[in-house]
Amino acid sequence: MKEQKNFSASGNEQGIGVTREFGKCCGRRKNRGLQKGAWLGFAMAICCTLLFSIRASAGDVTMQNKKWVSGQRYSYTDVNKDGELEEQDHGIGCYKIKITKPGYIRVEVKTSPIPGAKGYVSRGTSVRVLDSRKKEIYDNDDDIYAGKRDFDVALKKGIYYLEIDTNKKYQMRYTFTATGKIKGKKPAVTASKASLLPAGKTVKGVLYCDSNGYYYKIKVPKKKKVTISFNSKMNSGMALQVLVLKGKELRTIDEKGNMEGKDIISWWDIRRRGKDKVSLKLAEGTYYIRLFTFGGGQYYTMKWK
């Protein structure tokens, strides 16, 4: 049977968490640690960030940066005058937003019970990000049973929509943060095109929510402990793989510096909104660092030594 495993980033040498559950590919991930899994399951999970769907909405409303909007999809009234409340569906809330430059948005959501809905089952709240064609590029699919929460999504310049589905009253807003122009070469999207990252050099990048990942190449001159350090700005999941070429195949490296079998993969979850690091022992050779997202992307800096 194929495995999956997860190491914590900051404390990977103190303990290894082993799990048989890959976890959600979108939204919040509760399990931080080095994950190990089958390539098929891994690929299916990453593809979740690329799923497309078109939703029926109650009508589009333009949403302004930092301005709250409010609404409710359902109302509960005694339509038939028989003493029973009927659920009236007014359509999913869909809000148009304009991103004028690359950056990320922080989406905040507050929910509260609907008057007259006593006795009806409260369902979760989901928020989806749609592109200009109203095709889904990100789904924050964690149920929001608490009164409020927030999440971040990295977006390129363009028109997008925020779609909220809930059977409660809601308030929602987004706050945009520009990432500015990233100096230097763009990160490679394949290992074969990865540029060499010298030890000690800091790189900055924006990993977008619909990205398949970025690759950096490093050369370790001798067997040594290697530490990869991060500073992440967004409340969103990012993960790291260390890879090595075996023939024509890329194989993952585990926390002890051992190369995995072809049917096993390993990765580290990187802390969101803060500093984190991954340390492991590597033999002399050329390796590839791959960064990818389980959520809305990440705005990060990274270096290794």
Protein backbone atom coordinates (compact mmCIF):
# COMPACT_ATOMS: atom_id res chain seq x y z
CA MET A 1 0.00 0.00 0.00
CA LYS A 2 1.28 3.47 -0.85
CA GLU A 3 1.96 5.87 2.00
CA GLN A 4 1.76 9.52 2.82
CA LYS A 5 3.64 11.32 5.56
CA ASN A 6 3.97 14.82 6.94
CA PHE A 7 6.91 16.47 8.77
CA SER A 8 6.56 19.72 10.68
CA ALA A 9 8.77 22.39 9.19
CA SER A 10 10.27 24.03 12.25
CA GLY A 11 10.51 20.90 14.35
CA ASN A 12 11.08 18.12 11.88
CA GLU A 13 14.06 16.68 13.74
CA GLN A 14 12.14 16.44 17.00
CA GLY A 15 9.36 14.28 15.68
CA ILE A 16 7.72 12.95 12.53
CA GLY A 17 3.97 12.95 12.13
CA VAL A 18 2.69 10.07 10.02
CA THR A 19 -0.78 10.21 8.50
CA ARG A 20 -2.85 8.23 6.04
CA GLU A 21 -4.92 11.27 5.14
CA PHE A 22 -3.65 13.64 2.48
CA GLY A 23 -5.87 16.49 3.77
CA LYS A 24 -7.87 19.08 1.94
CA CYS A 25 -6.26 20.71 -1.03
CA CYS A 26 -8.10 23.96 -0.52
CA GLY A 27 -8.89 26.06 2.51
CA ARG A 28 -7.24 25.61 5.90
CA ARG A 29 -5.00 22.66 6.66
CA LYS A 30 -4.98 21.61 10.28
CA ASN A 31 -2.06 19.16 10.05
CA ARG A 32 1.39 20.71 9.70
CA GLY A 33 4.20 18.26 9.12
CA LEU A 34 6.01 16.35 6.38
CA GLN A 35 3.47 14.53 4.25
CA LYS A 36 4.16 11.38 2.37
CA GLY A 37 1.82 10.04 -0.26
CA ALA A 38 1.20 8.31 -3.57
CA TRP A 39 1.82 10.37 -6.70
CA LEU A 40 -1.72 9.74 -7.94
CA GLY A 41 -3.39 11.05 -4.81
CA PHE A 42 -0.99 13.96 -4.74
CA ALA A 43 -1.77 14.91 -8.33
CA MET A 44 -5.51 14.64 -7.72
CA ALA A 45 -5.30 16.91 -4.72
CA ILE A 46 -3.27 19.56 -6.56
CA CYS A 47 -5.79 19.43 -9.40
CA CYS A 48 -8.50 20.46 -6.95
CA THR A 49 -7.10 23.98 -7.13
CA LEU A 50 -7.78 23.93 -10.88
CA LEU A 51 -11.37 22.65 -10.83
CA PHE A 52 -13.76 24.77 -12.83
CA SER A 53 -17.47 25.29 -12.26
CA ILE A 54 -20.09 27.88 -13.11
CA ARG A 55 -22.57 28.82 -10.37
CA ALA A 56 -26.03 30.35 -10.54
CA SER A 57 -26.14 33.65 -8.66
CA ALA A 58 -28.68 36.21 -7.57
CA GLY A 59 -26.99 38.91 -9.64
CA ASP A 60 -23.56 40.50 -9.63
CA VAL A 61 -22.73 43.43 -7.37
CA THR A 62 -19.47 45.37 -7.69
CA MET A 63 -17.50 45.17 -4.46
CA GLN A 64 -15.06 47.87 -3.38
CA ASN A 65 -11.76 47.34 -1.59
CA LYS A 66 -12.16 47.43 2.23
CA LYS A 67 -15.95 48.00 1.99
CA TRP A 68 -18.31 45.55 3.68
CA VAL A 69 -21.21 43.98 1.79
CA SER A 70 -24.05 42.11 3.44
CA GLY A 71 -26.84 39.80 2.41
CA GLN A 72 -28.54 36.46 2.85
CA ARG A 73 -29.34 33.73 0.39
CA TYR A 74 -32.36 32.39 2.28
CA SER A 75 -35.28 33.82 4.18
CA TYR A 76 -37.86 31.93 6.25
CA THR A 77 -41.46 33.08 6.10
CA ASP A 78 -44.94 31.61 6.52
CA VAL A 79 -45.84 31.84 2.84
CA ASN A 80 -48.92 29.62 3.04
CA LYS A 81 -50.19 31.13 6.32
CA ASP A 82 -50.32 27.68 7.87
CA GLY A 83 -47.96 28.29 10.76
CA GLU A 84 -45.03 26.58 8.98
CA LEU A 85 -41.94 28.46 7.83
CA GLU A 86 -40.90 27.94 4.23
CA GLU A 87 -37.34 28.45 3.02
CA GLN A 88 -37.06 31.03 0.23
CA ASP A 89 -33.93 30.87 -1.94
CA HIS A 90 -32.79 34.25 -3.30
CA GLY A 91 -29.67 32.92 -5.02
CA ILE A 92 -25.97 32.75 -4.24
CA GLY A 93 -24.27 36.06 -3.54
CA CYS A 94 -21.78 36.92 -6.28
CA TYR A 95 -19.59 40.03 -6.08
CA LYS A 96 -17.37 41.45 -8.81
CA ILE A 97 -13.92 42.75 -7.83
CA LYS A 98 -11.22 44.43 -9.92
CA ILE A 99 -7.55 43.74 -9.19
CA THR A 100 -5.47 46.50 -10.80
CA LYS A 101 -2.01 45.02 -10.08
CA PRO A 102 -0.58 41.70 -8.83
CA GLY A 103 -1.08 41.07 -5.13
CA TYR A 104 -3.31 39.25 -2.71
CA ILE A 105 -6.65 39.79 -1.04
CA ARG A 106 -7.63 39.04 2.53
CA VAL A 107 -11.29 38.02 2.63
CA GLU A 108 -13.15 38.45 5.91
CA VAL A 109 -16.54 36.84 6.56
CA LYS A 110 -18.98 37.30 9.43
CA THR A 111 -22.17 35.27 9.78
CA SER A 112 -25.19 35.37 12.08
CA PRO A 113 -28.51 33.48 12.34
CA ILE A 114 -31.44 34.53 10.16
CA PRO A 115 -34.51 35.86 12.02
CA GLY A 116 -37.37 33.39 11.81
CA ALA A 117 -35.08 30.45 11.06
CA LYS A 118 -35.28 28.93 14.54
CA GLY A 119 -35.45 25.15 14.32
CA TYR A 120 -33.80 25.00 10.90
CA VAL A 121 -30.40 23.33 10.59
CA SER A 122 -27.54 25.80 10.24
CA ARG A 123 -25.23 24.85 7.38
CA GLY A 124 -21.65 25.85 6.71
CA THR A 125 -20.48 28.83 4.69
CA SER A 126 -18.21 28.58 1.66
CA VAL A 127 -16.53 31.32 -0.37
CA ARG A 128 -15.26 30.73 -3.90
CA VAL A 129 -13.04 32.86 -6.11
CA LEU A 130 -14.02 32.88 -9.79
CA ASP A 131 -12.11 34.26 -12.75
CA SER A 132 -13.49 36.74 -15.29
CA ARG A 133 -15.38 33.92 -17.02
CA LYS A 134 -16.87 32.87 -13.67
CA LYS A 135 -14.89 29.66 -13.58
CA GLU A 136 -13.69 28.58 -10.17
CA ILE A 137 -10.00 29.04 -9.40
CA TYR A 138 -10.14 28.68 -5.61
CA ASP A 139 -12.62 27.26 -3.14
CA ASN A 140 -12.34 28.05 0.55
CA ASP A 141 -14.40 24.98 1.33
CA ASP A 142 -14.01 24.81 5.11
CA ASP A 143 -17.38 25.17 6.80
CA ILE A 144 -17.60 28.47 8.65
CA TYR A 145 -19.70 27.56 11.67
CA ALA A 146 -17.94 30.16 13.82
CA GLY A 147 -19.14 33.74 13.65
CA LYS A 148 -16.16 35.03 11.65
CA ARG A 149 -12.96 34.06 9.88
CA ASP A 150 -10.56 35.22 7.15
CA PHE A 151 -8.37 33.76 4.42
CA ASP A 152 -5.98 35.07 1.75
CA VAL A 153 -5.79 34.50 -2.01
CA ALA A 154 -2.97 35.62 -4.35
CA LEU A 155 -4.30 37.03 -7.62
CA LYS A 156 -2.89 38.47 -10.83
CA LYS A 157 -4.23 41.65 -12.42
CA GLY A 158 -7.78 41.16 -13.71
CA ILE A 159 -11.49 40.82 -12.98
CA TYR A 160 -12.64 38.26 -10.40
CA TYR A 161 -15.75 37.32 -8.47
CA LEU A 162 -16.27 36.38 -4.83
CA GLU A 163 -19.14 33.95 -4.46
CA ILE A 164 -20.54 33.23 -1.01
CA ASP A 165 -22.96 30.40 -0.25
CA THR A 166 -24.56 30.18 3.18
CA ASN A 167 -27.96 29.81 4.82
CA LYS A 168 -27.11 32.51 7.36
CA LYS A 169 -26.93 36.29 7.18
CA TYR A 170 -23.45 37.39 6.18
CA GLN A 171 -21.09 40.31 5.94
CA MET A 172 -18.02 40.09 3.71
CA ARG A 173 -15.20 42.34 2.58
CA TYR A 174 -11.81 42.05 0.94
CA THR A 175 -8.63 44.03 1.53
CA PHE A 176 -6.09 44.19 -1.28
CA THR A 177 -2.32 44.25 -0.76
CA ALA A 178 -0.06 44.84 -3.76
CA THR A 179 3.08 42.73 -3.88
CA GLY A 180 4.92 45.12 -6.17
CA LYS A 181 7.28 44.14 -8.95
CA ILE A 182 9.36 41.10 -8.06
CA LYS A 183 12.97 41.72 -9.07
CA GLY A 184 15.05 39.09 -10.81
CA LYS A 185 14.07 36.11 -12.94
CA LYS A 186 10.65 34.57 -12.55
CA PRO A 187 10.66 31.18 -10.78
CA ALA A 188 10.65 28.21 -13.14
CA VAL A 189 7.49 26.12 -13.45
CA THR A 190 9.47 22.98 -14.32
CA ALA A 191 12.63 21.53 -12.76
CA SER A 192 14.43 21.44 -16.12
CA LYS A 193 14.19 25.24 -16.37
CA ALA A 194 15.07 25.99 -12.75
CA SER A 195 17.78 28.60 -12.16
CA LEU A 196 20.58 28.04 -9.67
CA LEU A 197 19.91 29.64 -6.28
CA PRO A 198 23.21 30.35 -4.50
CA ALA A 199 23.47 29.66 -0.78
CA GLY A 200 22.64 32.71 1.31
CA LYS A 201 20.76 34.56 -1.44
CA THR A 202 17.19 35.62 -0.59
CA VAL A 203 14.50 35.30 -3.26
CA LYS A 204 11.01 36.76 -3.16
CA GLY A 205 8.01 35.30 -4.95
CA VAL A 206 4.25 35.23 -5.29
CA LEU A 207 2.76 31.76 -5.59
CA TYR A 208 -0.68 32.19 -7.15
CA CYS A 209 -3.68 30.13 -6.14
CA ASP A 210 -3.91 28.36 -9.52
CA SER A 211 -0.17 27.65 -9.82
CA ASN A 212 1.26 24.13 -10.14
CA GLY A 213 4.37 25.21 -8.27
CA TYR A 214 7.80 26.85 -8.65
CA TYR A 215 11.24 25.22 -8.84
CA TYR A 216 14.65 26.42 -7.61
CA LYS A 217 17.95 24.53 -8.12
CA ILE A 218 20.59 24.30 -5.40
CA LYS A 219 24.05 22.69 -5.33
CA VAL A 220 25.36 21.22 -2.08
CA PRO A 221 29.20 21.11 -2.22
CA LYS A 222 29.59 18.44 0.46
CA LYS A 223 27.52 16.40 2.88
CA LYS A 224 26.06 18.86 5.35
CA LYS A 225 22.99 20.08 7.19
CA VAL A 226 20.94 22.34 4.93
CA THR A 227 18.40 24.83 6.29
CA ILE A 228 15.75 26.44 4.07
CA SER A 229 14.20 29.53 5.67
CA PHE A 230 10.91 31.25 4.85
CA ASN A 231 9.00 34.38 5.73
CA SER A 232 5.37 34.09 4.60
CA LYS A 233 2.91 37.00 4.48
CA MET A 234 -0.40 35.31 3.71
CA ASN A 235 -2.90 33.28 5.70
CA SER A 236 -2.74 30.44 3.22
CA GLY A 237 -1.06 27.07 2.92
CA MET A 238 2.25 26.55 1.12
CA ALA A 239 4.34 23.39 0.99
CA LEU A 240 7.94 22.48 0.16
CA GLN A 241 9.48 19.48 -1.56
CA VAL A 242 13.18 18.70 -1.86
CA LEU A 243 13.79 16.68 -5.03
CA VAL A 244 16.71 14.90 -6.68
CA LEU A 245 17.07 13.50 -10.19
CA LYS A 246 17.15 9.70 -10.45
CA GLY A 247 17.74 8.88 -14.09
CA LYS A 248 15.02 10.89 -15.79
CA GLU A 249 12.72 10.91 -12.75
CA LEU A 250 12.50 13.35 -9.88
CA ARG A 251 12.40 11.67 -6.47
CA THR A 252 11.53 13.34 -3.18
CA ILE A 253 13.94 13.51 -0.23
CA ASP A 254 12.74 12.73 3.30
CA GLU A 255 13.69 14.43 6.59
CA LYS A 256 16.82 12.26 6.95
CA GLY A 257 18.09 13.13 3.49
CA ASN A 258 17.15 9.75 2.00
CA MET A 259 15.74 9.47 -1.49
CA GLU A 260 12.19 8.12 -1.63
CA GLY A 261 10.94 5.32 -3.83
CA LYS A 262 9.20 6.26 -7.08
CA ASP A 263 5.72 5.68 -5.59
CA ILE A 264 6.30 7.79 -2.46
CA ILE A 265 6.39 11.55 -2.06
CA SER A 266 7.30 13.80 0.87
CA TRP A 267 6.66 17.45 1.57
CA TRP A 268 6.77 19.96 4.41
CA ASP A 269 3.96 22.34 5.31
CA ILE A 270 5.27 25.90 5.71
CA ARG A 271 3.90 28.14 8.42
CA ARG A 272 1.51 30.81 7.19
CA ARG A 273 1.92 34.47 8.18
CA GLY A 274 5.35 34.22 9.71
CA LYS A 275 8.83 32.74 9.72
CA ASP A 276 9.57 29.06 9.36
CA LYS A 277 12.43 26.75 8.34
CA VAL A 278 13.14 23.23 7.18
CA SER A 279 16.42 21.52 8.11
CA LEU A 280 17.73 18.22 6.73
CA LYS A 281 21.03 16.50 5.98
CA LEU A 282 21.94 16.29 2.32
CA ALA A 283 24.76 14.55 0.52
CA GLU A 284 26.89 16.36 -2.05
CA GLY A 285 24.91 16.96 -5.23
CA THR A 286 22.28 18.96 -7.10
CA TYR A 287 18.77 19.26 -5.66
CA TYR A 288 15.55 21.01 -6.56
CA ILE A 289 13.32 22.95 -4.19
CA ARG A 290 9.67 22.90 -5.22
CA LEU A 291 7.11 25.25 -3.68
CA PHE A 292 3.40 24.68 -4.20
CA THR A 293 0.12 25.63 -2.57
CA PHE A 294 -2.74 23.76 -0.96
CA GLY A 295 -4.78 26.94 -0.70
CA GLY A 296 -4.87 30.50 -1.94
CA GLY A 297 -1.16 30.82 -2.73
CA GLN A 298 1.59 32.64 -0.83
CA TYR A 299 3.74 35.80 -0.88
CA TYR A 300 7.10 34.67 0.45
CA THR A 301 10.81 35.16 0.79
CA MET A 302 13.17 32.17 0.90
CA LYS A 303 16.86 31.43 1.29
CA TRP A 304 19.00 28.40 2.11
CA LYS A 305 22.36 27.82 3.75
